[in-house]
Amino acid sequence: MKLITIINNHSEEGNLPRYYLKADTALLRNNDAFYIPDDVARVVAEPHIVVKVSRLAKCIGERFASRCIDGVMGGVTFTAKDRLDAARREGLPWDEAVGFDHSSALSLDTLQRDAMLAGATFYINGEERARITLDAMRFSPDKVLSHLSECMTLRIGDLVYLGSPAEFEVKAGDNYRLTIGDHTLLNFDIK
């Protein structure tokens, strides 16, 4: 299983979806708490709508890409900002900054594809902090999957984090909640 995170769906950077990959050990499941790594100075969180790939896809056209979406989930990615800044300065890969264990929270529940039309809402300590809507994304889920399938073969179970409109400083003691429509998909603490 691949974890693929789109990084420019809410920016003007590039004409095609840009992304990075993570190992499956980056998954944080079961609404388990996220523990801030001891050796990291600054961590940020980014909420996402996540699509789950339902079939093998290679060079699939955009108009057929919707057939490859099995369901929709909620997700939050965590980035060690100090390490990311250093990697960018030195022209190094981002793996250490974005791909550490448990750096991608993922909901247990999977909703039908159409659920993402309602958008997602991200809360910190009960306060709404971000709305994620398909209208605000530069690249539709179908465009993202079509492009990714030209770069690599997508397999059943691959997860695509569609991009976040904002990043938030991670603080111990906070509670994160993410909903899609009326469904609470994530509800976990930061420690």
C-alpha atoms as a PDB file:
ATOM      1  CA  MET A   1       0.000   0.000   0.000  1.00  0.00           C
ATOM      2  CA  LYS A   2       1.212   3.463  -0.896  1.00  0.00           C
ATOM      3  CA  LEU A   3       0.406   6.671   0.965  1.00  0.00           C
ATOM      4  CA  ILE A   4       0.453   9.567  -1.492  1.00  0.00           C
ATOM      5  CA  THR A   5       0.096  13.177  -0.360  1.00  0.00           C
ATOM      6  CA  ILE A   6      -0.728  15.962  -2.810  1.00  0.00           C
ATOM      7  CA  ILE A   7       1.109  19.159  -1.823  1.00  0.00           C
ATOM      8  CA  ASN A   8      -0.086  21.801  -4.291  1.00  0.00           C
ATOM      9  CA  ASN A   9      -3.864  21.367  -4.486  1.00  0.00           C
ATOM     10  CA  HIS A  10      -4.372  24.633  -2.579  1.00  0.00           C
ATOM     11  CA  SER A  11      -1.508  26.666  -4.042  1.00  0.00           C
ATOM     12  CA  GLU A  12      -0.489  28.049  -7.417  1.00  0.00           C
ATOM     13  CA  GLU A  13       2.643  25.902  -7.530  1.00  0.00           C
ATOM     14  CA  GLY A  14       2.972  23.818 -10.709  1.00  0.00           C
ATOM     15  CA  ASN A  15       0.508  22.922 -13.451  1.00  0.00           C
ATOM     16  CA  LEU A  16       0.048  19.302 -12.376  1.00  0.00           C
ATOM     17  CA  PRO A  17      -0.460  17.665  -8.979  1.00  0.00           C
ATOM     18  CA  ARG A  18       2.795  17.392  -7.028  1.00  0.00           C
ATOM     19  CA  TYR A  19       3.141  14.736  -4.384  1.00  0.00           C
ATOM     20  CA  TYR A  20       5.326  12.747  -2.036  1.00  0.00           C
ATOM     21  CA  LEU A  21       5.110   9.109  -0.928  1.00  0.00           C
ATOM     22  CA  LYS A  22       5.179   7.573   2.543  1.00  0.00           C
ATOM     23  CA  ALA A  23       5.623   4.032   3.798  1.00  0.00           C
ATOM     24  CA  ASP A  24       2.606   2.328   5.370  1.00  0.00           C
ATOM     25  CA  THR A  25       4.352   2.579   8.769  1.00  0.00           C
ATOM     26  CA  ALA A  26       3.413   6.278   8.686  1.00  0.00           C
ATOM     27  CA  LEU A  27      -0.234   5.359   9.342  1.00  0.00           C
ATOM     28  CA  LEU A  28      -1.801   6.390  12.646  1.00  0.00           C
ATOM     29  CA  ARG A  29      -5.037   4.437  13.009  1.00  0.00           C
ATOM     30  CA  ASN A  30      -7.828   3.757  15.485  1.00  0.00           C
ATOM     31  CA  ASN A  31      -7.941   7.382  16.628  1.00  0.00           C
ATOM     32  CA  ASP A  32      -4.775   6.668  18.607  1.00  0.00           C
ATOM     33  CA  ALA A  33      -3.031   9.691  20.096  1.00  0.00           C
ATOM     34  CA  PHE A  34      -0.289  11.368  18.080  1.00  0.00           C
ATOM     35  CA  TYR A  35       2.907  11.675  20.118  1.00  0.00           C
ATOM     36  CA  ILE A  36       5.106  14.611  19.180  1.00  0.00           C
ATOM     37  CA  PRO A  37       8.587  13.209  18.468  1.00  0.00           C
ATOM     38  CA  ASP A  38      11.090  14.168  21.169  1.00  0.00           C
ATOM     39  CA  ASP A  39      13.815  15.297  18.786  1.00  0.00           C
ATOM     40  CA  VAL A  40      11.695  17.637  16.650  1.00  0.00           C
ATOM     41  CA  ALA A  41      11.492  21.364  17.342  1.00  0.00           C
ATOM     42  CA  ARG A  42       8.309  22.143  15.389  1.00  0.00           C
ATOM     43  CA  VAL A  43       5.529  19.950  14.005  1.00  0.00           C
ATOM     44  CA  VAL A  44       2.580  21.093  11.892  1.00  0.00           C
ATOM     45  CA  ALA A  45      -0.655  19.259  11.078  1.00  0.00           C
ATOM     46  CA  GLU A  46      -2.610  19.411   7.825  1.00  0.00           C
ATOM     47  CA  PRO A  47      -6.162  18.018   7.465  1.00  0.00           C
ATOM     48  CA  HIS A  48      -7.132  16.139   4.276  1.00  0.00           C
ATOM     49  CA  ILE A  49      -9.894  14.346   2.467  1.00  0.00           C
ATOM     50  CA  VAL A  50      -8.439  10.930   1.578  1.00  0.00           C
ATOM     51  CA  VAL A  51      -9.526   8.704  -1.308  1.00  0.00           C
ATOM     52  CA  LYS A  52      -8.954   4.966  -1.323  1.00  0.00           C
ATOM     53  CA  VAL A  53      -8.037   3.322  -4.633  1.00  0.00           C
ATOM     54  CA  SER A  54     -10.352   0.461  -5.595  1.00  0.00           C
ATOM     55  CA  ARG A  55      -8.637  -1.087  -8.597  1.00  0.00           C
ATOM     56  CA  LEU A  56      -5.372  -1.393 -10.453  1.00  0.00           C
ATOM     57  CA  ALA A  57      -4.848   1.763 -12.505  1.00  0.00           C
ATOM     58  CA  LYS A  58      -2.125   2.599 -15.005  1.00  0.00           C
ATOM     59  CA  CYS A  59      -2.447   5.562 -17.411  1.00  0.00           C
ATOM     60  CA  ILE A  60      -6.163   5.893 -16.741  1.00  0.00           C
ATOM     61  CA  GLY A  61      -7.986   8.785 -18.384  1.00  0.00           C
ATOM     62  CA  GLU A  62      -9.474  11.473 -16.179  1.00  0.00           C
ATOM     63  CA  ARG A  63     -13.026  10.658 -17.278  1.00  0.00           C
ATOM     64  CA  PHE A  64     -12.595   7.053 -16.057  1.00  0.00           C
ATOM     65  CA  ALA A  65     -10.720   7.831 -12.844  1.00  0.00           C
ATOM     66  CA  SER A  66     -13.849   7.965 -10.683  1.00  0.00           C
ATOM     67  CA  ARG A  67     -14.149   4.192 -11.188  1.00  0.00           C
ATOM     68  CA  CYS A  68     -10.911   3.826  -9.229  1.00  0.00           C
ATOM     69  CA  ILE A  69     -12.204   5.428  -6.023  1.00  0.00           C
ATOM     70  CA  ASP A  70     -13.420   2.862  -3.498  1.00  0.00           C
ATOM     71  CA  GLY A  71     -14.350   5.314  -0.780  1.00  0.00           C
ATOM     72  CA  VAL A  72     -13.525   8.482   1.101  1.00  0.00           C
ATOM     73  CA  MET A  73     -11.800   8.833   4.471  1.00  0.00           C
ATOM     74  CA  GLY A  74     -10.500  11.594   6.699  1.00  0.00           C
ATOM     75  CA  GLY A  75      -6.827  12.190   7.332  1.00  0.00           C
ATOM     76  CA  VAL A  76      -4.310  14.467   9.002  1.00  0.00           C
ATOM     77  CA  THR A  77      -0.642  14.560   8.006  1.00  0.00           C
ATOM     78  CA  PHE A  78       2.125  15.663  10.370  1.00  0.00           C
ATOM     79  CA  THR A  79       5.354  17.316   9.205  1.00  0.00           C
ATOM     80  CA  ALA A  80       8.545  17.992  11.160  1.00  0.00           C
ATOM     81  CA  LYS A  81       8.901  21.560   9.874  1.00  0.00           C
ATOM     82  CA  ASP A  82      12.462  22.121  11.052  1.00  0.00           C
ATOM     83  CA  ARG A  83      13.612  18.975   9.226  1.00  0.00           C
ATOM     84  CA  LEU A  84      11.639  19.909   6.120  1.00  0.00           C
ATOM     85  CA  ASP A  85      13.201  23.376   6.015  1.00  0.00           C
ATOM     86  CA  ALA A  86      16.691  21.853   6.366  1.00  0.00           C
ATOM     87  CA  ALA A  87      16.000  19.277   3.626  1.00  0.00           C
ATOM     88  CA  ARG A  88      14.783  21.990   1.258  1.00  0.00           C
ATOM     89  CA  ARG A  89      17.835  24.184   1.933  1.00  0.00           C
ATOM     90  CA  GLU A  90      20.227  21.298   1.336  1.00  0.00           C
ATOM     91  CA  GLY A  91      18.338  19.811  -1.623  1.00  0.00           C
ATOM     92  CA  LEU A  92      17.744  16.543   0.249  1.00  0.00           C
ATOM     93  CA  PRO A  93      14.720  14.221   0.142  1.00  0.00           C
ATOM     94  CA  TRP A  94      11.830  15.042   2.471  1.00  0.00           C
ATOM     95  CA  ASP A  95      11.419  11.514   3.847  1.00  0.00           C
ATOM     96  CA  GLU A  96      12.726  12.230   7.344  1.00  0.00           C
ATOM     97  CA  ALA A  97      10.470  15.278   7.699  1.00  0.00           C
ATOM     98  CA  VAL A  98       7.219  13.820   6.365  1.00  0.00           C
ATOM     99  CA  GLY A  99       7.466  10.032   6.477  1.00  0.00           C
ATOM    100  CA  PHE A 100       8.241   9.212  10.094  1.00  0.00           C
ATOM    101  CA  ASP A 101       6.145   6.569  11.886  1.00  0.00           C
ATOM    102  CA  HIS A 102       2.556   7.628  12.668  1.00  0.00           C
ATOM    103  CA  SER A 103       2.819  10.845  10.644  1.00  0.00           C
ATOM    104  CA  SER A 104      -0.459  10.195   8.768  1.00  0.00           C
ATOM    105  CA  ALA A 105      -3.649   9.863  10.781  1.00  0.00           C
ATOM    106  CA  LEU A 106      -6.379   7.950   8.930  1.00  0.00           C
ATOM    107  CA  SER A 107     -10.005   7.361   9.842  1.00  0.00           C
ATOM    108  CA  LEU A 108     -11.353   3.888  10.471  1.00  0.00           C
ATOM    109  CA  ASP A 109     -14.570   4.500   8.609  1.00  0.00           C
ATOM    110  CA  THR A 110     -14.818   4.737   4.843  1.00  0.00           C
ATOM    111  CA  LEU A 111     -17.684   6.677   3.302  1.00  0.00           C
ATOM    112  CA  GLN A 112     -19.120   6.457  -0.194  1.00  0.00           C
ATOM    113  CA  ARG A 113     -17.358   8.503  -2.882  1.00  0.00           C
ATOM    114  CA  ASP A 114     -20.163  11.077  -3.039  1.00  0.00           C
ATOM    115  CA  ALA A 115     -19.682  11.955   0.656  1.00  0.00           C
ATOM    116  CA  MET A 116     -16.708  14.144  -0.258  1.00  0.00           C
ATOM    117  CA  LEU A 117     -19.064  16.517  -2.069  1.00  0.00           C
ATOM    118  CA  ALA A 118     -20.167  17.752   1.376  1.00  0.00           C
ATOM    119  CA  GLY A 119     -16.582  18.697   2.201  1.00  0.00           C
ATOM    120  CA  ALA A 120     -14.682  18.142   5.428  1.00  0.00           C
ATOM    121  CA  THR A 121     -14.403  20.250   8.553  1.00  0.00           C
ATOM    122  CA  PHE A 122     -11.359  20.216  10.846  1.00  0.00           C
ATOM    123  CA  TYR A 123     -11.640  21.149  14.521  1.00  0.00           C
ATOM    124  CA  ILE A 124      -9.000  21.800  17.161  1.00  0.00           C
ATOM    125  CA  ASN A 125     -10.341  21.619  20.725  1.00  0.00           C
ATOM    126  CA  GLY A 126     -13.885  21.850  19.390  1.00  0.00           C
ATOM    127  CA  GLU A 127     -13.253  25.049  17.398  1.00  0.00           C
ATOM    128  CA  GLU A 128     -13.652  24.922  13.614  1.00  0.00           C
ATOM    129  CA  ARG A 129     -10.285  25.718  12.060  1.00  0.00           C
ATOM    130  CA  ALA A 130     -10.546  24.641   8.402  1.00  0.00           C
ATOM    131  CA  ARG A 131     -13.056  23.656   5.733  1.00  0.00           C
ATOM    132  CA  ILE A 132     -11.905  21.418   2.919  1.00  0.00           C
ATOM    133  CA  THR A 133     -14.061  21.503  -0.199  1.00  0.00           C
ATOM    134  CA  LEU A 134     -13.607  20.071  -3.662  1.00  0.00           C
ATOM    135  CA  ASP A 135     -14.454  23.481  -5.140  1.00  0.00           C
ATOM    136  CA  ALA A 136     -11.397  25.014  -3.465  1.00  0.00           C
ATOM    137  CA  MET A 137      -9.024  22.374  -4.863  1.00  0.00           C
ATOM    138  CA  ARG A 138      -7.094  23.127  -8.046  1.00  0.00           C
ATOM    139  CA  PHE A 139      -7.170  19.490  -9.103  1.00  0.00           C
ATOM    140  CA  SER A 140     -10.251  17.285  -8.813  1.00  0.00           C
ATOM    141  CA  PRO A 141      -9.840  13.798  -7.326  1.00  0.00           C
ATOM    142  CA  ASP A 142     -10.273  12.406 -10.855  1.00  0.00           C
ATOM    143  CA  LYS A 143      -7.477  14.645 -12.209  1.00  0.00           C
ATOM    144  CA  VAL A 144      -5.219  13.648  -9.301  1.00  0.00           C
ATOM    145  CA  LEU A 145      -5.754   9.914  -9.832  1.00  0.00           C
ATOM    146  CA  SER A 146      -5.354  10.198 -13.596  1.00  0.00           C
ATOM    147  CA  HIS A 147      -2.050  12.058 -13.207  1.00  0.00           C
ATOM    148  CA  LEU A 148      -0.750   9.697 -10.522  1.00  0.00           C
ATOM    149  CA  SER A 149      -1.597   6.694 -12.705  1.00  0.00           C
ATOM    150  CA  GLU A 150       0.625   8.143 -15.441  1.00  0.00           C
ATOM    151  CA  CYS A 151       3.542   8.366 -12.973  1.00  0.00           C
ATOM    152  CA  MET A 152       3.092   5.002 -11.232  1.00  0.00           C
ATOM    153  CA  THR A 153       0.739   2.063 -11.112  1.00  0.00           C
ATOM    154  CA  LEU A 154      -1.968   2.599  -8.512  1.00  0.00           C
ATOM    155  CA  ARG A 155      -2.993  -0.521  -6.618  1.00  0.00           C
ATOM    156  CA  ILE A 156      -6.037  -1.561  -4.636  1.00  0.00           C
ATOM    157  CA  GLY A 157      -5.836  -0.006  -1.169  1.00  0.00           C
ATOM    158  CA  ASP A 158      -3.489   2.869  -2.054  1.00  0.00           C
ATOM    159  CA  LEU A 159      -4.450   6.035  -0.177  1.00  0.00           C
ATOM    160  CA  VAL A 160      -4.319   9.512  -1.688  1.00  0.00           C
ATOM    161  CA  TYR A 161      -4.381  12.499   0.681  1.00  0.00           C
ATOM    162  CA  LEU A 162      -5.862  15.160  -1.603  1.00  0.00           C
ATOM    163  CA  GLY A 163      -4.232  18.237  -0.077  1.00  0.00           C
ATOM    164  CA  SER A 164      -4.779  20.644   2.769  1.00  0.00           C
ATOM    165  CA  PRO A 165      -5.815  24.297   2.687  1.00  0.00           C
ATOM    166  CA  ALA A 166      -3.881  25.159   5.870  1.00  0.00           C
ATOM    167  CA  GLU A 167      -1.317  23.955   8.376  1.00  0.00           C
ATOM    168  CA  PHE A 168      -1.587  24.191  12.159  1.00  0.00           C
ATOM    169  CA  GLU A 169       1.045  24.183  14.893  1.00  0.00           C
ATOM    170  CA  VAL A 170       0.861  20.927  16.843  1.00  0.00           C
ATOM    171  CA  LYS A 171       0.600  21.391  20.615  1.00  0.00           C
ATOM    172  CA  ALA A 172       0.455  18.722  23.309  1.00  0.00           C
ATOM    173  CA  GLY A 173      -2.962  18.587  24.953  1.00  0.00           C
ATOM    174  CA  ASP A 174      -4.941  19.524  21.836  1.00  0.00           C
ATOM    175  CA  ASN A 175      -7.778  17.413  20.462  1.00  0.00           C
ATOM    176  CA  TYR A 176      -8.236  17.028  16.696  1.00  0.00           C
ATOM    177  CA  ARG A 177     -11.544  16.140  15.093  1.00  0.00           C
ATOM    178  CA  LEU A 178     -12.359  15.819  11.395  1.00  0.00           C
ATOM    179  CA  THR A 179     -15.829  15.373   9.952  1.00  0.00           C
ATOM    180  CA  ILE A 180     -17.141  14.767   6.462  1.00  0.00           C
ATOM    181  CA  GLY A 181     -20.770  15.780   6.274  1.00  0.00           C
ATOM    182  CA  ASP A 182     -22.399  14.542   9.497  1.00  0.00           C
ATOM    183  CA  HIS A 183     -19.828  11.786  10.070  1.00  0.00           C
ATOM    184  CA  THR A 184     -17.041  12.236  12.621  1.00  0.00           C
ATOM    185  CA  LEU A 185     -14.170  10.294  11.090  1.00  0.00           C
ATOM    186  CA  LEU A 186     -11.258  11.350  13.287  1.00  0.00           C
ATOM    187  CA  ASN A 187     -11.205  12.309  16.961  1.00  0.00           C
ATOM    188  CA  PHE A 188      -7.817  11.975  18.652  1.00  0.00           C
ATOM    189  CA  ASP A 189      -5.451  13.734  21.060  1.00  0.00           C
ATOM    190  CA  ILE A 190      -1.984  15.196  20.746  1.00  0.00           C
ATOM    191  CA  LYS A 191       0.538  14.152  23.410  1.00  0.00           C
END
